[in-house]
Amino acid sequence: MTYGNNTNVGTATGHASYAGDANHSGSDADATFAITPATTTTVVTCPATVVYSGVAQTPCTANVTGAGGLNQAVTPVTYEANLNAGTATATATYDGDPNHTGSTGSATFAILQAPTATAI
């Protein structure tokens, strides 16, 4: 069996030959098949908590993995509600490439109140 164009997304071909024997004649056959994009997984990683500092918190990273050794950082990571104390959300999207579909991941983290000091 031999193949052609069977590495990337698209139409691939297969070819088989039988030379024959004393009782059978030889024959050939060809077929095509589709290679479709592989799925990906985007994972956003955040610390469980950060402390309020008065500026937008951006502590998260993102990575995408997929077939064929795809394993790379995803940027940018976008944030919602990441300025004040409370729960913030981080999201990252991998748009895909010719051989992989896109994917989106998200994670949350807590912004804790900053400590205060009262002096008399």
Protein backbone atom coordinates (compact mmCIF):
# COMPACT_ATOMS: atom_id res chain seq x y z
CA MET A 1 0.00 0.00 0.00
CA THR A 2 1.30 3.44 -0.89
CA TYR A 3 -0.15 6.80 0.08
CA GLY A 4 -0.03 10.30 -1.30
CA ASN A 5 -0.88 13.67 0.28
CA ASN A 6 -1.59 11.94 3.60
CA THR A 7 0.18 14.32 5.98
CA ASN A 8 -1.98 17.45 6.09
CA VAL A 9 -5.67 18.30 5.93
CA GLY A 10 -7.17 17.65 2.51
CA THR A 11 -7.75 14.74 0.17
CA ALA A 12 -5.31 11.86 0.45
CA THR A 13 -4.85 8.90 -1.87
CA GLY A 14 -4.11 5.24 -1.35
CA HIS A 15 -2.88 2.76 -3.94
CA ALA A 16 -2.58 -1.03 -3.67
CA SER A 17 -1.25 -3.54 -6.16
CA TYR A 18 -1.37 -7.31 -6.32
CA ALA A 19 1.10 -8.89 -8.75
CA GLY A 20 -0.93 -12.05 -9.14
CA ASP A 21 0.07 -15.69 -8.80
CA ALA A 22 -0.29 -18.93 -10.75
CA ASN A 23 -4.06 -18.90 -10.21
CA HIS A 24 -4.88 -15.19 -10.10
CA SER A 25 -4.26 -12.25 -12.34
CA GLY A 26 -2.77 -9.07 -10.96
CA SER A 27 -4.84 -6.06 -10.02
CA ASP A 28 -4.57 -2.47 -8.83
CA ALA A 29 -6.88 -0.30 -6.76
CA ASP A 30 -6.92 3.37 -5.84
CA ALA A 31 -8.98 5.19 -3.26
CA THR A 32 -9.21 8.68 -1.78
CA PHE A 33 -10.04 9.73 1.74
CA ALA A 34 -10.39 13.03 3.57
CA ILE A 35 -8.10 14.21 6.35
CA THR A 36 -10.01 16.69 8.50
CA PRO A 37 -8.57 19.19 11.01
CA ALA A 38 -7.66 17.80 14.43
CA THR A 39 -9.25 19.25 17.54
CA THR A 40 -7.30 21.37 20.01
CA THR A 41 -7.57 22.11 23.70
CA THR A 42 -6.78 25.54 25.11
CA VAL A 43 -6.08 25.64 28.85
CA VAL A 44 -5.87 28.85 30.87
CA THR A 45 -3.89 28.61 34.11
CA CYS A 46 -4.33 31.15 36.91
CA PRO A 47 -3.32 31.33 40.55
CA ALA A 48 -6.19 30.71 42.94
CA THR A 49 -5.87 34.19 44.45
CA VAL A 50 -4.11 37.52 44.03
CA VAL A 51 -4.30 40.57 46.30
CA TYR A 52 -5.94 43.82 45.19
CA SER A 53 -3.28 46.37 44.20
CA GLY A 54 -5.21 49.16 42.48
CA VAL A 55 -4.21 48.04 38.98
CA ALA A 56 -5.69 45.41 36.68
CA GLN A 57 -4.53 41.92 37.62
CA THR A 58 -3.17 39.81 34.72
CA PRO A 59 -1.62 36.72 36.34
CA CYS A 60 -2.77 33.99 33.92
CA THR A 61 -1.15 32.09 31.08
CA ALA A 62 -2.64 29.97 28.29
CA ASN A 63 -1.44 26.99 26.28
CA VAL A 64 -2.91 25.00 23.38
CA THR A 65 -2.26 21.33 22.60
CA GLY A 66 -3.28 19.12 19.71
CA ALA A 67 -2.33 16.30 17.37
CA GLY A 68 1.03 16.24 15.65
CA GLY A 69 2.88 17.78 18.58
CA LEU A 70 0.99 21.07 18.76
CA ASN A 71 1.94 22.56 22.14
CA GLN A 72 2.37 26.33 22.34
CA ALA A 73 1.51 29.42 24.31
CA VAL A 74 -1.64 31.34 23.38
CA THR A 75 -1.75 35.13 23.52
CA PRO A 76 -3.40 37.34 24.34
CA VAL A 77 -5.16 36.31 27.51
CA THR A 78 -8.13 38.64 28.01
CA TYR A 79 -9.67 39.47 31.36
CA GLU A 80 -13.02 40.47 32.83
CA ALA A 81 -13.60 42.00 36.29
CA ASN A 82 -9.87 41.95 37.07
CA LEU A 83 -9.49 45.33 38.79
CA ASN A 84 -11.41 45.18 42.07
CA ALA A 85 -11.78 42.55 44.80
CA GLY A 86 -13.98 39.66 43.71
CA THR A 87 -13.90 36.96 41.04
CA ALA A 88 -12.09 37.65 37.78
CA THR A 89 -12.18 35.64 34.55
CA ALA A 90 -9.35 35.04 32.10
CA THR A 91 -10.00 33.75 28.56
CA ALA A 92 -7.74 32.76 25.67
CA THR A 93 -8.60 31.66 22.15
CA TYR A 94 -6.48 29.67 19.71
CA ASP A 95 -7.74 30.49 16.21
CA GLY A 96 -6.60 27.22 14.68
CA ASP A 97 -4.33 26.57 11.71
CA PRO A 98 -4.66 24.60 8.48
CA ASN A 99 -4.40 21.29 10.36
CA HIS A 100 -6.12 22.13 13.66
CA THR A 101 -9.48 23.56 14.72
CA GLY A 102 -9.63 26.53 17.06
CA SER A 103 -10.48 26.32 20.75
CA THR A 104 -11.15 28.59 23.71
CA GLY A 105 -10.34 28.12 27.37
CA SER A 106 -11.08 30.14 30.47
CA ALA A 107 -10.40 30.14 34.19
CA THR A 108 -11.30 32.24 37.20
CA PHE A 109 -9.27 33.60 40.08
CA ALA A 110 -10.12 35.55 43.21
CA ILE A 111 -8.89 39.06 43.87
CA LEU A 112 -8.64 39.38 47.64
CA GLN A 113 -9.07 42.63 49.53
CA ALA A 114 -5.80 44.36 50.32
CA PRO A 115 -4.89 44.52 54.00
CA THR A 116 -5.17 47.82 55.81
CA ALA A 117 -3.45 49.26 58.85
CA THR A 118 -5.12 51.57 61.31
CA ALA A 119 -2.90 53.73 63.46
CA ILE A 120 -3.87 55.88 66.39
